[in-house]
Amino acid sequence: MLPKVDMEGAISGHSLKQCNIKISACSPDVHIGLDMQGVNYDVSMADSYQQCQKRCTNDKHCHFFTYAPETFHNESIR
């Protein structure tokens, strides 16, 4: 599990890949105000954290996501 770091405005969570296979490994909850620290595998635009989570779920290399909404304090990451 990756460390979670406070980051105001961020929304983070896990890929939902395991939800269809191993119920115990499925973690559908999102974490408001937290960043799942790790390597930034991909940076792309998304309209919502749900869209971001879906992209992560559909990408075989993605395990965690962090979504930065329009209100996120760092404009370069939005």
Protein backbone atom coordinates (compact mmCIF):
# COMPACT_ATOMS: atom_id res chain seq x y z
CA MET A 1 0.00 0.00 0.00
CA LEU A 2 1.29 3.44 -0.90
CA PRO A 3 1.66 6.15 1.73
CA LYS A 4 -1.16 8.66 1.86
CA VAL A 5 -0.13 12.30 2.25
CA ASP A 6 -2.46 15.19 3.08
CA MET A 7 -3.09 17.29 -0.02
CA GLU A 8 -5.92 19.79 0.21
CA GLY A 9 -8.36 19.48 -2.69
CA ALA A 10 -7.04 16.17 -4.03
CA ILE A 11 -9.19 13.04 -4.38
CA SER A 12 -7.36 9.71 -4.44
CA GLY A 13 -8.27 6.06 -4.63
CA HIS A 14 -7.49 2.62 -5.94
CA SER A 15 -8.05 1.03 -9.31
CA LEU A 16 -11.17 -1.15 -9.30
CA LYS A 17 -9.50 -4.01 -11.21
CA GLN A 18 -9.75 -6.38 -8.25
CA CYS A 19 -13.45 -5.75 -7.64
CA ASN A 20 -14.50 -8.30 -10.27
CA ILE A 21 -11.96 -10.91 -9.14
CA LYS A 22 -11.12 -10.73 -5.43
CA ILE A 23 -13.69 -9.02 -3.25
CA SER A 24 -11.22 -8.75 -0.32
CA ALA A 25 -8.75 -6.84 -2.52
CA CYS A 26 -11.38 -4.42 -3.81
CA SER A 27 -11.21 -0.93 -2.33
CA PRO A 28 -13.86 1.29 -3.96
CA ASP A 29 -13.57 4.10 -1.38
CA VAL A 30 -12.00 7.41 -2.36
CA HIS A 31 -9.97 9.57 -0.02
CA ILE A 32 -10.74 13.30 0.01
CA GLY A 33 -7.75 15.53 0.75
CA LEU A 34 -5.16 12.78 0.29
CA ASP A 35 -2.55 12.01 -2.34
CA MET A 36 -1.51 8.40 -2.94
CA GLN A 37 2.20 9.04 -3.26
CA GLY A 38 4.13 7.12 -5.85
CA VAL A 39 5.43 7.49 -9.36
CA ASN A 40 3.28 9.64 -11.65
CA TYR A 41 2.69 6.99 -14.29
CA ASP A 42 0.30 9.08 -16.39
CA VAL A 43 -0.99 12.63 -16.27
CA SER A 44 -4.18 13.28 -18.22
CA MET A 45 -7.30 15.43 -18.13
CA ALA A 46 -10.49 14.07 -16.59
CA ASP A 47 -13.85 15.69 -15.88
CA SER A 48 -14.34 13.92 -12.53
CA TYR A 49 -12.62 11.61 -10.09
CA GLN A 50 -14.95 8.85 -11.31
CA GLN A 51 -13.61 9.26 -14.85
CA CYS A 52 -10.06 9.30 -13.50
CA GLN A 53 -10.71 6.11 -11.48
CA LYS A 54 -12.25 4.41 -14.53
CA ARG A 55 -9.20 5.25 -16.66
CA CYS A 56 -6.95 3.85 -13.96
CA THR A 57 -9.07 0.69 -13.71
CA ASN A 58 -8.89 0.17 -17.49
CA ASP A 59 -5.10 0.66 -17.61
CA LYS A 60 -3.22 -2.52 -16.72
CA HIS A 61 -0.29 -0.56 -15.25
CA CYS A 62 -2.31 1.80 -13.04
CA HIS A 63 -3.08 0.82 -9.43
CA PHE A 64 -3.85 4.16 -7.73
CA PHE A 65 -5.04 7.56 -8.88
CA THR A 66 -5.09 11.13 -7.60
CA TYR A 67 -7.55 13.57 -9.13
CA ALA A 68 -7.02 17.34 -8.87
CA PRO A 69 -10.29 19.24 -9.50
CA GLU A 70 -10.55 22.80 -10.82
CA THR A 71 -10.38 24.11 -7.25
CA PHE A 72 -7.03 22.38 -6.62
CA HIS A 73 -4.45 24.90 -5.38
CA ASN A 74 -1.67 23.98 -7.83
CA GLU A 75 -2.80 25.08 -11.30
CA SER A 76 -0.01 23.15 -13.09
CA ILE A 77 -1.38 19.83 -11.74
CA ARG A 78 -5.08 20.42 -12.50
